[in-house]
Amino acid sequence: MPTIEDGRTAIEQGNLQQARLIFEAILQETPRSEEAWLGLAEVLTENEDKRICYENALKINKNSEQAKEGLRQLEPQSDPLIAALGQAPLREDEAFDQDDATMISSRDTFDNYEEASEGPPTIALVAIGLLLSVVVFALGSGAVFFILTSMTTP
């Protein structure tokens, strides 16, 4: 029967598939082997599979620092700059109003758009841009057609 050391040796040699097979064989014989669960988690590639291994190791030893650290590593990482500043990240529906340095939600921003906006509404600008694009395309196409037909007719 393979040993934990055999699995560690396979990892050191870069043979992760062999290490996986070794740890799985150990777990077939002794399913309550914390070291085998931790070793298996080390060689697996899927985060959910790793999570299962770490959770099994914690069921065996609730004080396993290696299993706790492994689970922490699987959690989504926060932005290091935000963490360094000690601030919570903005939710997607929040924005920062620099004029009065307060948090406002995007819902408030959109509800008050007409009051705060100056100039034509966005839909009008889009329509004008589309119309200008069509006109320029038509004029350009007409000019190219005129040039090509004048070159080919005697």
N, C-alpha and C. Protein backbone atom coordinates (compact mmCIF):
# COMPACT_ATOMS: atom_id res chain seq x y z
N MET A 1 0.84 -1.18 0.00
CA MET A 1 0.00 0.00 0.00
C MET A 1 0.89 1.25 0.00
N PRO A 2 0.51 2.27 -0.83
CA PRO A 2 1.30 3.50 -0.87
C PRO A 2 1.16 4.28 0.45
N THR A 3 2.11 5.17 0.66
CA THR A 3 2.12 5.97 1.89
C THR A 3 1.99 7.46 1.56
N ILE A 4 1.76 8.24 2.58
CA ILE A 4 1.70 9.70 2.43
C ILE A 4 3.01 10.21 1.84
N GLU A 5 4.13 9.63 2.30
CA GLU A 5 5.44 10.03 1.79
C GLU A 5 5.56 9.75 0.30
N ASP A 6 4.98 8.66 -0.17
CA ASP A 6 4.99 8.36 -1.62
C ASP A 6 4.26 9.47 -2.37
N GLY A 7 3.14 9.91 -1.82
CA GLY A 7 2.38 10.98 -2.45
C GLY A 7 3.15 12.29 -2.46
N ARG A 8 3.81 12.60 -1.36
CA ARG A 8 4.62 13.83 -1.28
C ARG A 8 5.79 13.78 -2.26
N THR A 9 6.40 12.61 -2.38
CA THR A 9 7.50 12.44 -3.33
C THR A 9 7.02 12.66 -4.76
N ALA A 10 5.85 12.12 -5.08
CA ALA A 10 5.29 12.30 -6.43
C ALA A 10 5.02 13.78 -6.70
N ILE A 11 4.54 14.52 -5.69
CA ILE A 11 4.32 15.96 -5.85
C ILE A 11 5.64 16.67 -6.12
N GLU A 12 6.66 16.35 -5.33
CA GLU A 12 7.97 16.98 -5.49
C GLU A 12 8.55 16.72 -6.88
N GLN A 13 8.26 15.54 -7.43
CA GLN A 13 8.75 15.19 -8.76
C GLN A 13 7.87 15.78 -9.87
N GLY A 14 6.78 16.43 -9.47
CA GLY A 14 5.90 17.06 -10.46
C GLY A 14 4.90 16.10 -11.08
N ASN A 15 4.78 14.91 -10.55
CA ASN A 15 3.85 13.93 -11.08
C ASN A 15 2.55 13.98 -10.27
N LEU A 16 1.73 14.98 -10.58
CA LEU A 16 0.53 15.22 -9.81
C LEU A 16 -0.53 14.12 -10.01
N GLN A 17 -0.58 13.55 -11.20
CA GLN A 17 -1.55 12.47 -11.44
C GLN A 17 -1.22 11.25 -10.58
N GLN A 18 0.05 10.92 -10.50
CA GLN A 18 0.44 9.79 -9.66
C GLN A 18 0.16 10.11 -8.18
N ALA A 19 0.45 11.33 -7.77
CA ALA A 19 0.18 11.73 -6.39
C ALA A 19 -1.31 11.62 -6.09
N ARG A 20 -2.13 12.03 -7.04
CA ARG A 20 -3.58 11.93 -6.85
C ARG A 20 -4.00 10.47 -6.65
N LEU A 21 -3.49 9.60 -7.49
CA LEU A 21 -3.83 8.18 -7.37
C LEU A 21 -3.37 7.61 -6.03
N ILE A 22 -2.20 8.03 -5.57
CA ILE A 22 -1.69 7.56 -4.29
C ILE A 22 -2.60 8.01 -3.15
N PHE A 23 -2.94 9.31 -3.12
CA PHE A 23 -3.79 9.81 -2.04
C PHE A 23 -5.18 9.18 -2.08
N GLU A 24 -5.70 8.96 -3.28
CA GLU A 24 -7.01 8.32 -3.39
C GLU A 24 -6.95 6.87 -2.89
N ALA A 25 -5.85 6.17 -3.18
CA ALA A 25 -5.69 4.80 -2.70
C ALA A 25 -5.61 4.76 -1.17
N ILE A 26 -4.89 5.72 -0.61
CA ILE A 26 -4.80 5.79 0.86
C ILE A 26 -6.18 6.03 1.46
N LEU A 27 -6.95 6.91 0.83
CA LEU A 27 -8.28 7.24 1.36
C LEU A 27 -9.25 6.08 1.20
N GLN A 28 -9.01 5.22 0.22
CA GLN A 28 -9.85 4.01 0.10
C GLN A 28 -9.66 3.11 1.32
N GLU A 29 -8.42 3.04 1.77
CA GLU A 29 -8.11 2.19 2.92
C GLU A 29 -8.39 2.87 4.25
N THR A 30 -8.04 4.15 4.35
CA THR A 30 -8.23 4.89 5.60
C THR A 30 -8.89 6.24 5.30
N PRO A 31 -10.22 6.27 5.20
CA PRO A 31 -10.91 7.50 4.82
C PRO A 31 -10.80 8.62 5.86
N ARG A 32 -10.33 8.33 7.04
CA ARG A 32 -10.18 9.36 8.06
C ARG A 32 -8.74 9.85 8.18
N SER A 33 -8.00 9.79 7.08
CA SER A 33 -6.62 10.27 7.07
C SER A 33 -6.60 11.76 6.69
N GLU A 34 -6.39 12.60 7.68
CA GLU A 34 -6.34 14.04 7.44
C GLU A 34 -5.24 14.38 6.43
N GLU A 35 -4.07 13.79 6.58
CA GLU A 35 -2.95 14.09 5.68
C GLU A 35 -3.26 13.70 4.24
N ALA A 36 -3.97 12.60 4.05
CA ALA A 36 -4.32 12.18 2.69
C ALA A 36 -5.31 13.16 2.07
N TRP A 37 -6.29 13.64 2.85
CA TRP A 37 -7.24 14.62 2.33
C TRP A 37 -6.51 15.91 1.96
N LEU A 38 -5.58 16.35 2.81
CA LEU A 38 -4.83 17.57 2.52
C LEU A 38 -3.93 17.39 1.30
N GLY A 39 -3.31 16.22 1.19
CA GLY A 39 -2.47 15.94 0.02
C GLY A 39 -3.29 15.91 -1.26
N LEU A 40 -4.46 15.29 -1.19
CA LEU A 40 -5.33 15.22 -2.36
C LEU A 40 -5.78 16.62 -2.77
N ALA A 41 -6.12 17.45 -1.80
CA ALA A 41 -6.52 18.83 -2.10
C ALA A 41 -5.40 19.58 -2.81
N GLU A 42 -4.18 19.27 -2.46
CA GLU A 42 -3.02 19.95 -3.05
C GLU A 42 -2.85 19.64 -4.54
N VAL A 43 -3.26 18.45 -4.97
CA VAL A 43 -3.04 18.07 -6.36
C VAL A 43 -4.26 18.22 -7.24
N LEU A 44 -5.42 18.46 -6.65
CA LEU A 44 -6.63 18.63 -7.46
C LEU A 44 -6.65 20.01 -8.11
N THR A 45 -7.36 20.13 -9.21
CA THR A 45 -7.40 21.40 -9.93
C THR A 45 -8.72 22.16 -9.75
N GLU A 46 -9.80 21.45 -9.51
CA GLU A 46 -11.11 22.10 -9.36
C GLU A 46 -11.29 22.60 -7.94
N ASN A 47 -11.69 23.86 -7.80
CA ASN A 47 -11.85 24.46 -6.48
C ASN A 47 -12.89 23.74 -5.63
N GLU A 48 -13.99 23.28 -6.26
CA GLU A 48 -15.02 22.60 -5.49
C GLU A 48 -14.50 21.28 -4.93
N ASP A 49 -13.69 20.57 -5.73
CA ASP A 49 -13.08 19.32 -5.25
C ASP A 49 -12.12 19.59 -4.09
N LYS A 50 -11.34 20.67 -4.23
CA LYS A 50 -10.41 21.05 -3.16
C LYS A 50 -11.20 21.37 -1.88
N ARG A 51 -12.30 22.10 -2.05
CA ARG A 51 -13.12 22.48 -0.90
C ARG A 51 -13.61 21.24 -0.14
N ILE A 52 -14.06 20.24 -0.89
CA ILE A 52 -14.53 19.00 -0.26
C ILE A 52 -13.41 18.34 0.54
N CYS A 53 -12.22 18.31 -0.03
CA CYS A 53 -11.08 17.71 0.68
C CYS A 53 -10.77 18.46 1.97
N TYR A 54 -10.72 19.80 1.89
CA TYR A 54 -10.43 20.59 3.09
C TYR A 54 -11.52 20.42 4.14
N GLU A 55 -12.78 20.37 3.70
CA GLU A 55 -13.87 20.17 4.66
C GLU A 55 -13.79 18.80 5.32
N ASN A 56 -13.41 17.78 4.55
CA ASN A 56 -13.25 16.45 5.13
C ASN A 56 -12.11 16.44 6.15
N ALA A 57 -11.03 17.14 5.83
CA ALA A 57 -9.90 17.22 6.78
C ALA A 57 -10.34 17.92 8.06
N LEU A 58 -11.19 18.95 7.93
CA LEU A 58 -11.68 19.65 9.12
C LEU A 58 -12.65 18.79 9.93
N LYS A 59 -13.37 17.89 9.27
CA LYS A 59 -14.25 16.98 10.01
C LYS A 59 -13.42 16.03 10.87
N ILE A 60 -12.25 15.68 10.36
CA ILE A 60 -11.35 14.79 11.10
C ILE A 60 -10.64 15.55 12.22
N ASN A 61 -10.15 16.76 11.88
CA ASN A 61 -9.43 17.58 12.85
C ASN A 61 -9.92 19.02 12.72
N LYS A 62 -10.82 19.43 13.60
CA LYS A 62 -11.42 20.76 13.49
C LYS A 62 -10.42 21.88 13.71
N ASN A 63 -9.23 21.57 14.20
CA ASN A 63 -8.19 22.58 14.44
C ASN A 63 -7.12 22.60 13.35
N SER A 64 -7.34 21.92 12.26
CA SER A 64 -6.34 21.83 11.18
C SER A 64 -6.13 23.20 10.53
N GLU A 65 -5.00 23.79 10.82
CA GLU A 65 -4.67 25.10 10.25
C GLU A 65 -4.48 25.02 8.74
N GLN A 66 -3.90 23.92 8.28
CA GLN A 66 -3.67 23.76 6.85
C GLN A 66 -5.01 23.71 6.09
N ALA A 67 -5.99 23.01 6.64
CA ALA A 67 -7.31 22.92 6.01
C ALA A 67 -8.01 24.28 6.05
N LYS A 68 -7.90 24.97 7.17
CA LYS A 68 -8.52 26.30 7.28
C LYS A 68 -7.90 27.27 6.28
N GLU A 69 -6.58 27.23 6.17
CA GLU A 69 -5.89 28.10 5.23
C GLU A 69 -6.27 27.75 3.79
N GLY A 70 -6.38 26.46 3.50
CA GLY A 70 -6.80 26.04 2.16
C GLY A 70 -8.17 26.57 1.80
N LEU A 71 -9.10 26.52 2.74
CA LEU A 71 -10.44 27.06 2.49
C LEU A 71 -10.39 28.57 2.30
N ARG A 72 -9.55 29.24 3.09
CA ARG A 72 -9.41 30.70 2.93
C ARG A 72 -8.88 31.04 1.54
N GLN A 73 -7.96 30.25 1.04
CA GLN A 73 -7.39 30.50 -0.27
C GLN A 73 -8.42 30.33 -1.39
N LEU A 74 -9.44 29.51 -1.13
CA LEU A 74 -10.47 29.28 -2.14
C LEU A 74 -11.52 30.39 -2.18
N GLU A 75 -11.56 31.22 -1.14
CA GLU A 75 -12.52 32.32 -1.10
C GLU A 75 -12.10 33.38 -2.11
N PRO A 76 -13.09 34.07 -2.71
CA PRO A 76 -12.73 35.14 -3.65
C PRO A 76 -11.88 36.19 -2.94
N GLN A 77 -10.85 36.61 -3.62
CA GLN A 77 -9.92 37.58 -3.03
C GLN A 77 -10.46 38.99 -3.23
N SER A 78 -10.33 39.79 -2.19
CA SER A 78 -10.74 41.18 -2.30
C SER A 78 -9.60 41.98 -2.93
N ASP A 79 -9.91 43.15 -3.36
CA ASP A 79 -8.93 44.03 -3.95
C ASP A 79 -7.90 44.42 -2.89
N PRO A 80 -6.60 44.15 -3.10
CA PRO A 80 -5.59 44.44 -2.07
C PRO A 80 -5.50 45.92 -1.73
N LEU A 81 -5.77 46.80 -2.69
CA LEU A 81 -5.70 48.24 -2.42
C LEU A 81 -6.82 48.63 -1.46
N ILE A 82 -8.02 48.11 -1.70
CA ILE A 82 -9.14 48.40 -0.81
C ILE A 82 -8.87 47.83 0.58
N ALA A 83 -8.33 46.62 0.61
CA ALA A 83 -8.01 46.01 1.91
C ALA A 83 -6.96 46.84 2.65
N ALA A 84 -5.97 47.35 1.93
CA ALA A 84 -4.93 48.16 2.56
C ALA A 84 -5.49 49.47 3.10
N LEU A 85 -6.47 50.02 2.42
CA LEU A 85 -7.07 51.27 2.86
C LEU A 85 -8.11 51.05 3.94
N GLY A 86 -8.52 49.79 4.11
CA GLY A 86 -9.50 49.47 5.14
C GLY A 86 -10.90 49.90 4.79
N GLN A 87 -11.21 49.99 3.49
CA GLN A 87 -12.54 50.40 3.07
C GLN A 87 -13.27 49.23 2.44
N ALA A 88 -14.56 49.23 2.59
CA ALA A 88 -15.37 48.22 1.93
C ALA A 88 -15.55 48.61 0.47
N PRO A 89 -15.53 47.64 -0.45
CA PRO A 89 -15.72 47.97 -1.86
C PRO A 89 -17.14 48.47 -2.11
N LEU A 90 -17.28 49.30 -3.13
CA LEU A 90 -18.60 49.81 -3.50
C LEU A 90 -19.43 48.70 -4.10
N ARG A 91 -20.72 48.72 -3.78
CA ARG A 91 -21.62 47.80 -4.46
C ARG A 91 -21.81 48.31 -5.87
N GLU A 92 -22.27 47.45 -6.76
CA GLU A 92 -22.43 47.85 -8.16
C GLU A 92 -23.42 48.99 -8.33
N ASP A 93 -24.41 49.11 -7.43
CA ASP A 93 -25.41 50.15 -7.60
C ASP A 93 -25.08 51.43 -6.83
N GLU A 94 -23.82 51.58 -6.40
CA GLU A 94 -23.43 52.78 -5.67
C GLU A 94 -22.40 53.57 -6.46
N ALA A 95 -22.40 54.86 -6.24
CA ALA A 95 -21.41 55.73 -6.85
C ALA A 95 -20.97 56.75 -5.80
N PHE A 96 -19.86 57.38 -6.04
CA PHE A 96 -19.34 58.36 -5.09
C PHE A 96 -19.58 59.74 -5.66
N ASP A 97 -20.32 60.56 -4.94
CA ASP A 97 -20.61 61.92 -5.36
C ASP A 97 -19.52 62.81 -4.79
N GLN A 98 -18.63 63.30 -5.65
CA GLN A 98 -17.47 64.05 -5.16
C GLN A 98 -17.83 65.45 -4.69
N ASP A 99 -18.97 66.00 -5.16
CA ASP A 99 -19.33 67.35 -4.75
C ASP A 99 -19.59 67.45 -3.25
N ASP A 100 -20.38 66.50 -2.73
CA ASP A 100 -20.66 66.56 -1.30
C ASP A 100 -20.14 65.35 -0.54
N ALA A 101 -19.27 64.56 -1.19
CA ALA A 101 -18.57 63.43 -0.57
C ALA A 101 -19.53 62.50 0.17
N THR A 102 -20.60 62.12 -0.49
CA THR A 102 -21.54 61.18 0.10
C THR A 102 -21.77 60.02 -0.85
N MET A 103 -22.20 58.92 -0.29
CA MET A 103 -22.53 57.76 -1.11
C MET A 103 -23.94 57.93 -1.64
N ILE A 104 -24.12 57.67 -2.94
CA ILE A 104 -25.45 57.70 -3.53
C ILE A 104 -25.63 56.43 -4.33
N SER A 105 -26.83 55.96 -4.44
CA SER A 105 -27.07 54.76 -5.23
C SER A 105 -27.38 55.16 -6.66
N SER A 106 -27.15 54.23 -7.59
CA SER A 106 -27.42 54.52 -8.99
C SER A 106 -28.91 54.78 -9.20
N ARG A 107 -29.76 54.16 -8.39
CA ARG A 107 -31.20 54.40 -8.51
C ARG A 107 -31.49 55.87 -8.25
N ASP A 108 -30.85 56.46 -7.22
CA ASP A 108 -31.04 57.88 -6.95
C ASP A 108 -30.53 58.71 -8.11
N THR A 109 -29.41 58.30 -8.68
CA THR A 109 -28.83 59.04 -9.79
C THR A 109 -29.78 59.04 -10.98
N PHE A 110 -30.36 57.90 -11.32
CA PHE A 110 -31.24 57.83 -12.48
C PHE A 110 -32.58 58.51 -12.21
N ASP A 111 -33.07 58.42 -10.97
CA ASP A 111 -34.33 59.08 -10.65
C ASP A 111 -34.21 60.59 -10.77
N ASN A 112 -33.06 61.11 -10.44
CA ASN A 112 -32.86 62.56 -10.46
C ASN A 112 -32.15 63.02 -11.72
N TYR A 113 -32.10 62.21 -12.76
CA TYR A 113 -31.34 62.55 -13.96
C TYR A 113 -31.86 63.81 -14.62
N GLU A 114 -33.19 63.90 -14.77
CA GLU A 114 -33.74 65.04 -15.47
C GLU A 114 -33.47 66.34 -14.73
N GLU A 115 -33.47 66.28 -13.41
CA GLU A 115 -33.21 67.49 -12.64
C GLU A 115 -31.75 67.93 -12.79
N ALA A 116 -30.84 66.98 -12.81
CA ALA A 116 -29.42 67.30 -12.79
C ALA A 116 -28.83 67.50 -14.18
N SER A 117 -29.48 66.99 -15.22
CA SER A 117 -28.86 67.01 -16.54
C SER A 117 -29.03 68.37 -17.20
N GLU A 118 -28.03 68.69 -17.98
CA GLU A 118 -28.09 69.90 -18.79
C GLU A 118 -27.80 69.47 -20.21
N GLY A 119 -28.54 69.98 -21.17
CA GLY A 119 -28.34 69.61 -22.55
C GLY A 119 -29.37 68.59 -23.01
N PRO A 120 -29.26 68.20 -24.25
CA PRO A 120 -30.25 67.29 -24.84
C PRO A 120 -30.18 65.90 -24.22
N PRO A 121 -31.30 65.21 -24.21
CA PRO A 121 -31.30 63.84 -23.68
C PRO A 121 -30.45 62.92 -24.55
N THR A 122 -30.00 61.84 -23.98
CA THR A 122 -29.11 60.91 -24.67
C THR A 122 -29.75 60.33 -25.92
N ILE A 123 -31.03 60.01 -25.87
CA ILE A 123 -31.70 59.39 -27.02
C ILE A 123 -31.65 60.31 -28.23
N ALA A 124 -31.78 61.62 -28.01
CA ALA A 124 -31.72 62.58 -29.11
C ALA A 124 -30.31 62.59 -29.71
N LEU A 125 -29.31 62.54 -28.88
CA LEU A 125 -27.93 62.53 -29.38
C LEU A 125 -27.65 61.27 -30.19
N VAL A 126 -28.15 60.13 -29.74
CA VAL A 126 -27.96 58.88 -30.46
C VAL A 126 -28.65 58.95 -31.81
N ALA A 127 -29.87 59.48 -31.84
CA ALA A 127 -30.62 59.57 -33.10
C ALA A 127 -29.90 60.49 -34.09
N ILE A 128 -29.39 61.61 -33.62
CA ILE A 128 -28.67 62.53 -34.50
C ILE A 128 -27.40 61.88 -35.02
N GLY A 129 -26.69 61.18 -34.18
CA GLY A 129 -25.47 60.50 -34.61
C GLY A 129 -25.76 59.44 -35.65
N LEU A 130 -26.84 58.69 -35.46
CA LEU A 130 -27.23 57.66 -36.42
C LEU A 130 -27.60 58.29 -37.75
N LEU A 131 -28.36 59.37 -37.72
CA LEU A 131 -28.76 60.06 -38.95
C LEU A 131 -27.53 60.58 -39.69
N LEU A 132 -26.61 61.19 -38.98
CA LEU A 132 -25.39 61.69 -39.62
C LEU A 132 -24.57 60.56 -40.23
N SER A 133 -24.52 59.41 -39.57
CA SER A 133 -23.80 58.27 -40.10
C SER A 133 -24.40 57.80 -41.41
N VAL A 134 -25.74 57.75 -41.48
CA VAL A 134 -26.43 57.31 -42.69
C VAL A 134 -26.17 58.29 -43.83
N VAL A 135 -26.25 59.58 -43.52
CA VAL A 135 -26.03 60.60 -44.55
C VAL A 135 -24.60 60.53 -45.08
N VAL A 136 -23.63 60.45 -44.20
CA VAL A 136 -22.23 60.38 -44.63
C VAL A 136 -21.98 59.12 -45.44
N PHE A 137 -22.55 58.01 -45.03
CA PHE A 137 -22.40 56.76 -45.78
C PHE A 137 -23.01 56.88 -47.17
N ALA A 138 -24.22 57.48 -47.26
CA ALA A 138 -24.88 57.63 -48.55
C ALA A 138 -24.08 58.55 -49.47
N LEU A 139 -23.61 59.67 -48.93
CA LEU A 139 -22.81 60.59 -49.76
C LEU A 139 -21.51 59.95 -50.21
N GLY A 140 -20.86 59.24 -49.30
CA GLY A 140 -19.60 58.58 -49.66
C GLY A 140 -19.82 57.50 -50.70
N SER A 141 -20.87 56.72 -50.53
CA SER A 141 -21.18 55.66 -51.49
C SER A 141 -21.52 56.25 -52.84
N GLY A 142 -22.30 57.34 -52.83
CA GLY A 142 -22.67 58.01 -54.08
C GLY A 142 -21.44 58.55 -54.79
N ALA A 143 -20.51 59.12 -54.05
CA ALA A 143 -19.30 59.68 -54.65
C ALA A 143 -18.46 58.56 -55.26
N VAL A 144 -18.33 57.46 -54.56
CA VAL A 144 -17.56 56.33 -55.09
C VAL A 144 -18.23 55.78 -56.34
N PHE A 145 -19.55 55.65 -56.33
CA PHE A 145 -20.28 55.17 -57.50
C PHE A 145 -20.07 56.10 -58.69
N PHE A 146 -20.16 57.41 -58.46
CA PHE A 146 -19.98 58.39 -59.52
C PHE A 146 -18.58 58.30 -60.12
N ILE A 147 -17.59 58.18 -59.27
CA ILE A 147 -16.21 58.11 -59.75
C ILE A 147 -16.00 56.83 -60.57
N LEU A 148 -16.49 55.71 -60.09
CA LEU A 148 -16.31 54.44 -60.79
C LEU A 148 -17.04 54.43 -62.13
N THR A 149 -18.26 54.96 -62.17
CA THR A 149 -19.01 54.96 -63.44
C THR A 149 -18.43 55.95 -64.42
N SER A 150 -17.89 57.07 -63.96
CA SER A 150 -17.30 58.05 -64.90
C SER A 150 -15.98 57.51 -65.47
N MET A 151 -15.32 56.64 -64.75
CA MET A 151 -14.05 56.07 -65.24
C MET A 151 -14.31 54.97 -66.27
N THR A 152 -15.43 54.27 -66.16
CA THR A 152 -15.69 53.14 -67.05
C THR A 152 -16.46 53.51 -68.29
N THR A 153 -17.14 54.65 -68.33
CA THR A 153 -17.88 55.05 -69.53
C THR A 153 -16.98 55.87 -70.44
N PRO A 154 -17.07 55.59 -71.76
CA PRO A 154 -16.18 56.32 -72.71
C PRO A 154 -16.62 57.72 -73.00
